[in-house]
C-alpha atoms as a PDB file:
ATOM      1  CA  UNK A   1     -43.255  34.285 -23.095  1.00  0.00           C
ATOM      2  CA  UNK A   2     -39.555  34.788 -22.249  1.00  0.00           C
ATOM      3  CA  UNK A   3     -40.363  34.179 -18.612  1.00  0.00           C
ATOM      4  CA  UNK A   4     -41.805  30.731 -19.465  1.00  0.00           C
ATOM      5  CA  UNK A   5     -38.818  29.827 -21.642  1.00  0.00           C
ATOM      6  CA  UNK A   6     -36.472  30.804 -18.818  1.00  0.00           C
ATOM      7  CA  UNK A   7     -38.473  28.713 -16.320  1.00  0.00           C
ATOM      8  CA  UNK A   8     -38.529  25.756 -18.739  1.00  0.00           C
ATOM      9  CA  UNK A   9     -34.764  26.043 -19.203  1.00  0.00           C
ATOM     10  CA  UNK A  10     -34.189  25.771 -15.433  1.00  0.00           C
ATOM     11  CA  UNK A  11     -36.636  22.892 -15.037  1.00  0.00           C
ATOM     12  CA  UNK A  12     -34.690  20.916 -17.642  1.00  0.00           C
ATOM     13  CA  UNK A  13     -31.266  21.717 -16.170  1.00  0.00           C
ATOM     14  CA  UNK A  14     -32.154  21.354 -12.479  1.00  0.00           C
ATOM     15  CA  UNK A  15     -31.895  17.529 -12.381  1.00  0.00           C
ATOM     16  CA  UNK A  16     -28.465  17.712 -14.028  1.00  0.00           C
ATOM     17  CA  UNK A  17     -27.057  20.195 -11.517  1.00  0.00           C
ATOM     18  CA  UNK A  18     -25.146  17.482  -9.608  1.00  0.00           C
ATOM     19  CA  UNK A  19     -23.183  16.398 -12.693  1.00  0.00           C
ATOM     20  CA  UNK A  20     -19.595  17.511 -12.470  1.00  0.00           C
ATOM     21  CA  UNK A  21     -20.150  19.153  -9.091  1.00  0.00           C
ATOM     22  CA  UNK A  22     -17.462  18.591  -6.483  1.00  0.00           C
ATOM     23  CA  UNK A  23     -18.001  18.411  -2.732  1.00  0.00           C
ATOM     24  CA  UNK A  24     -15.549  17.778   0.064  1.00  0.00           C
ATOM     25  CA  UNK A  25     -15.304  17.338   3.796  1.00  0.00           C
ATOM     26  CA  UNK A  26     -15.159  14.740   6.518  1.00  0.00           C
ATOM     27  CA  UNK A  27     -16.833  11.495   5.478  1.00  0.00           C
ATOM     28  CA  UNK A  28     -19.265   9.409   7.445  1.00  0.00           C
ATOM     29  CA  UNK A  29     -19.018   5.827   6.201  1.00  0.00           C
ATOM     30  CA  UNK A  30     -22.465   4.260   5.869  1.00  0.00           C
ATOM     31  CA  UNK A  31     -21.267   0.992   4.360  1.00  0.00           C
ATOM     32  CA  UNK A  32     -18.541  -0.245   2.033  1.00  0.00           C
ATOM     33  CA  UNK A  33     -19.705   1.798  -0.955  1.00  0.00           C
ATOM     34  CA  UNK A  34     -21.744   4.647   0.541  1.00  0.00           C
ATOM     35  CA  UNK A  35     -20.552   7.814   2.274  1.00  0.00           C
ATOM     36  CA  UNK A  36     -22.048  11.018   3.567  1.00  0.00           C
ATOM     37  CA  UNK A  37     -19.893  14.027   2.707  1.00  0.00           C
ATOM     38  CA  UNK A  38     -21.005  17.613   3.387  1.00  0.00           C
ATOM     39  CA  UNK A  39     -24.483  16.299   4.209  1.00  0.00           C
ATOM     40  CA  UNK A  40     -24.841  14.464   0.870  1.00  0.00           C
ATOM     41  CA  UNK A  41     -25.244  10.686   0.558  1.00  0.00           C
ATOM     42  CA  UNK A  42     -22.847   9.386  -2.107  1.00  0.00           C
ATOM     43  CA  UNK A  43     -22.726   5.920  -3.677  1.00  0.00           C
ATOM     44  CA  UNK A  44     -19.229   5.174  -5.009  1.00  0.00           C
ATOM     45  CA  UNK A  45     -19.446   4.666  -8.775  1.00  0.00           C
ATOM     46  CA  UNK A  46     -18.318   1.512 -10.502  1.00  0.00           C
ATOM     47  CA  UNK A  47     -18.077  -0.661  -7.401  1.00  0.00           C
ATOM     48  CA  UNK A  48     -20.269  -2.813  -5.199  1.00  0.00           C
ATOM     49  CA  UNK A  49     -19.379  -3.807  -1.637  1.00  0.00           C
ATOM     50  CA  UNK A  50     -21.075  -6.345   0.624  1.00  0.00           C
ATOM     51  CA  UNK A  51     -24.083  -5.040   2.513  1.00  0.00           C
ATOM     52  CA  UNK A  52     -23.723  -4.503   6.271  1.00  0.00           C
ATOM     53  CA  UNK A  53     -25.706  -7.644   7.139  1.00  0.00           C
ATOM     54  CA  UNK A  54     -24.096  -9.811   4.473  1.00  0.00           C
ATOM     55  CA  UNK A  55     -22.252 -12.958   5.573  1.00  0.00           C
ATOM     56  CA  UNK A  56     -19.152 -14.341   3.814  1.00  0.00           C
ATOM     57  CA  UNK A  57     -16.773 -17.239   4.512  1.00  0.00           C
ATOM     58  CA  UNK A  58     -13.051 -17.040   5.126  1.00  0.00           C
ATOM     59  CA  UNK A  59     -10.276 -19.336   3.942  1.00  0.00           C
ATOM     60  CA  UNK A  60     -11.190 -22.040   6.485  1.00  0.00           C
ATOM     61  CA  UNK A  61     -14.953 -21.728   5.831  1.00  0.00           C
ATOM     62  CA  UNK A  62     -15.676 -19.719   8.999  1.00  0.00           C
ATOM     63  CA  UNK A  63     -18.550 -17.280   8.467  1.00  0.00           C
ATOM     64  CA  UNK A  64     -18.067 -13.608   9.230  1.00  0.00           C
ATOM     65  CA  UNK A  65     -19.988 -10.385   8.735  1.00  0.00           C
ATOM     66  CA  UNK A  66     -18.126  -9.229   5.642  1.00  0.00           C
ATOM     67  CA  UNK A  67     -20.314  -6.151   5.137  1.00  0.00           C
ATOM     68  CA  UNK A  68     -19.411  -4.843   8.569  1.00  0.00           C
ATOM     69  CA  UNK A  69     -15.765  -5.794   8.047  1.00  0.00           C
ATOM     70  CA  UNK A  70     -15.543  -3.877   4.754  1.00  0.00           C
ATOM     71  CA  UNK A  71     -17.247  -0.851   6.355  1.00  0.00           C
ATOM     72  CA  UNK A  72     -14.600  -0.810   9.097  1.00  0.00           C
ATOM     73  CA  UNK A  73     -11.787  -1.167   6.539  1.00  0.00           C
ATOM     74  CA  UNK A  74     -13.113   1.840   4.606  1.00  0.00           C
ATOM     75  CA  UNK A  75     -13.432   3.873   7.823  1.00  0.00           C
ATOM     76  CA  UNK A  76      -9.809   3.028   8.666  1.00  0.00           C
ATOM     77  CA  UNK A  77      -8.681   3.816   5.119  1.00  0.00           C
ATOM     78  CA  UNK A  78     -10.233   7.275   5.264  1.00  0.00           C
ATOM     79  CA  UNK A  79      -9.412   8.017   8.896  1.00  0.00           C
ATOM     80  CA  UNK A  80      -9.832  11.734   9.595  1.00  0.00           C
ATOM     81  CA  UNK A  81      -8.788  12.778   6.095  1.00  0.00           C
ATOM     82  CA  UNK A  82     -10.752  15.174   3.936  1.00  0.00           C
ATOM     83  CA  UNK A  83     -12.674  13.389   1.182  1.00  0.00           C
ATOM     84  CA  UNK A  84     -13.280  15.014  -2.215  1.00  0.00           C
ATOM     85  CA  UNK A  85     -16.092  13.645  -4.391  1.00  0.00           C
ATOM     86  CA  UNK A  86     -16.924  14.398  -8.029  1.00  0.00           C
ATOM     87  CA  UNK A  87     -20.651  13.847  -8.506  1.00  0.00           C
ATOM     88  CA  UNK A  88     -22.093  12.162 -11.602  1.00  0.00           C
ATOM     89  CA  UNK A  89     -25.870  12.115 -11.179  1.00  0.00           C
ATOM     90  CA  UNK A  90     -28.090  10.042  -8.901  1.00  0.00           C
ATOM     91  CA  UNK A  91     -29.063   6.405  -8.571  1.00  0.00           C
ATOM     92  CA  UNK A  92     -32.603   5.034  -8.310  1.00  0.00           C
ATOM     93  CA  UNK A  93     -32.519   5.458  -4.521  1.00  0.00           C
ATOM     94  CA  UNK A  94     -31.767   9.184  -4.788  1.00  0.00           C
ATOM     95  CA  UNK A  95     -28.135   8.884  -3.736  1.00  0.00           C
ATOM     96  CA  UNK A  96     -25.501  10.869  -5.582  1.00  0.00           C
ATOM     97  CA  UNK A  97     -23.188   8.745  -7.700  1.00  0.00           C
ATOM     98  CA  UNK A  98     -19.610   9.840  -7.330  1.00  0.00           C
ATOM     99  CA  UNK A  99     -15.927   9.168  -7.494  1.00  0.00           C
ATOM    100  CA  UNK A 100     -14.372  10.031  -4.171  1.00  0.00           C
ATOM    101  CA  UNK A 101     -10.764  10.322  -3.160  1.00  0.00           C
ATOM    102  CA  UNK A 102      -8.490  11.037  -0.279  1.00  0.00           C
ATOM    103  CA  UNK A 103      -5.569  13.009  -1.648  1.00  0.00           C
ATOM    104  CA  UNK A 104      -4.711  11.302  -4.929  1.00  0.00           C
ATOM    105  CA  UNK A 105      -6.178   7.933  -3.894  1.00  0.00           C
ATOM    106  CA  UNK A 106      -9.508   6.946  -5.471  1.00  0.00           C
ATOM    107  CA  UNK A 107     -11.530   5.175  -2.777  1.00  0.00           C
ATOM    108  CA  UNK A 108     -13.457   2.929  -5.174  1.00  0.00           C
ATOM    109  CA  UNK A 109     -10.271   1.789  -6.884  1.00  0.00           C
ATOM    110  CA  UNK A 110      -8.622   1.165  -3.507  1.00  0.00           C
ATOM    111  CA  UNK A 111     -11.578  -0.922  -2.303  1.00  0.00           C
ATOM    112  CA  UNK A 112     -11.529  -3.096  -5.430  1.00  0.00           C
ATOM    113  CA  UNK A 113      -7.723  -3.349  -5.409  1.00  0.00           C
ATOM    114  CA  UNK A 114      -7.767  -4.562  -1.777  1.00  0.00           C
ATOM    115  CA  UNK A 115     -10.496  -7.116  -2.523  1.00  0.00           C
ATOM    116  CA  UNK A 116     -13.016  -5.256  -0.364  1.00  0.00           C
ATOM    117  CA  UNK A 117     -15.446  -4.573  -3.231  1.00  0.00           C
ATOM    118  CA  UNK A 118     -16.190  -5.813  -6.737  1.00  0.00           C
ATOM    119  CA  UNK A 119     -16.726  -3.878  -9.933  1.00  0.00           C
ATOM    120  CA  UNK A 120     -20.300  -2.940 -10.761  1.00  0.00           C
ATOM    121  CA  UNK A 121     -21.688  -1.736 -14.091  1.00  0.00           C
ATOM    122  CA  UNK A 122     -18.393  -0.312 -15.271  1.00  0.00           C
ATOM    123  CA  UNK A 123     -16.193  -0.472 -18.324  1.00  0.00           C
ATOM    124  CA  UNK A 124     -13.280   1.194 -16.517  1.00  0.00           C
ATOM    125  CA  UNK A 125     -10.313  -0.933 -17.613  1.00  0.00           C
ATOM    126  CA  UNK A 126      -8.141   0.009 -14.642  1.00  0.00           C
ATOM    127  CA  UNK A 127     -10.887  -0.906 -12.203  1.00  0.00           C
ATOM    128  CA  UNK A 128     -11.562  -4.208 -13.976  1.00  0.00           C
ATOM    129  CA  UNK A 129      -7.824  -4.997 -13.963  1.00  0.00           C
ATOM    130  CA  UNK A 130      -7.644  -4.207 -10.239  1.00  0.00           C
ATOM    131  CA  UNK A 131     -10.456  -6.697  -9.602  1.00  0.00           C
ATOM    132  CA  UNK A 132      -8.741  -9.396 -11.668  1.00  0.00           C
ATOM    133  CA  UNK A 133      -5.522  -8.820  -9.722  1.00  0.00           C
ATOM    134  CA  UNK A 134      -7.280  -8.901  -6.321  1.00  0.00           C
ATOM    135  CA  UNK A 135      -9.001 -12.152  -7.291  1.00  0.00           C
ATOM    136  CA  UNK A 136      -5.762 -13.691  -8.575  1.00  0.00           C
ATOM    137  CA  UNK A 137      -3.884 -12.617  -5.417  1.00  0.00           C
ATOM    138  CA  UNK A 138      -6.820 -13.768  -3.219  1.00  0.00           C
ATOM    139  CA  UNK A 139      -7.013 -10.426  -1.402  1.00  0.00           C
ATOM    140  CA  UNK A 140      -9.838  -9.545   0.954  1.00  0.00           C
ATOM    141  CA  UNK A 141     -13.150 -11.161   0.031  1.00  0.00           C
ATOM    142  CA  UNK A 142     -11.419 -13.243  -2.630  1.00  0.00           C
ATOM    143  CA  UNK A 143      -9.501 -15.193   0.047  1.00  0.00           C
ATOM    144  CA  UNK A 144     -12.686 -17.057   0.910  1.00  0.00           C
ATOM    145  CA  UNK A 145     -16.196 -17.327  -0.510  1.00  0.00           C
ATOM    146  CA  UNK A 146     -18.867 -14.673  -0.899  1.00  0.00           C
ATOM    147  CA  UNK A 147     -21.993 -13.949  -2.854  1.00  0.00           C
ATOM    148  CA  UNK A 148     -21.869 -10.987  -5.214  1.00  0.00           C
ATOM    149  CA  UNK A 149     -23.549  -8.105  -3.337  1.00  0.00           C
ATOM    150  CA  UNK A 150     -26.014  -7.492  -6.196  1.00  0.00           C
ATOM    151  CA  UNK A 151     -27.158 -11.133  -6.036  1.00  0.00           C
ATOM    152  CA  UNK A 152     -27.370 -10.995  -2.238  1.00  0.00           C
ATOM    153  CA  UNK A 153     -29.606  -7.893  -2.472  1.00  0.00           C
ATOM    154  CA  UNK A 154     -31.894  -9.539  -5.046  1.00  0.00           C
ATOM    155  CA  UNK A 155     -32.630 -12.284  -2.514  1.00  0.00           C
ATOM    156  CA  UNK A 156     -33.734  -9.533  -0.071  1.00  0.00           C
ATOM    157  CA  UNK A 157     -36.125  -7.142  -1.873  1.00  0.00           C
ATOM    158  CA  UNK A 158     -35.963  -3.494  -0.850  1.00  0.00           C
ATOM    159  CA  UNK A 159     -32.204  -3.466  -0.176  1.00  0.00           C
ATOM    160  CA  UNK A 160     -30.509  -0.387  -1.711  1.00  0.00           C
END
């Protein structure tokens, strides 16, 4: 009987094992809001960046591949630095959800602050304020026109 209780205990806790866990290492940038660190795919929490194939328009209405551009900006922002991620569960695609940083700099906050990403399903006041400021200052994506990444994905079923 005790053996079954012990097994049941671990079956309940196993899915929660990623909560609060921290991983670190070199990051491979998949796109503007997804990294691979220490072999784990991590979706940055609270933000949404354009998808790699997404097209946006600049200040003079020239189209550009904003998803690729944001990916490159994130790669440059990280460089060869060690990334530390605090994990907070998984999304519906099986990716870890996490807050990642380089030194003291939160990558998600930096992306939103620079206008390279928008907030997504968050009540984080600092993150929301950073987005308002980026929009007001017309930084990054806000200097032209773009479709919210979540809306862009909905028009293309199967996009994570």
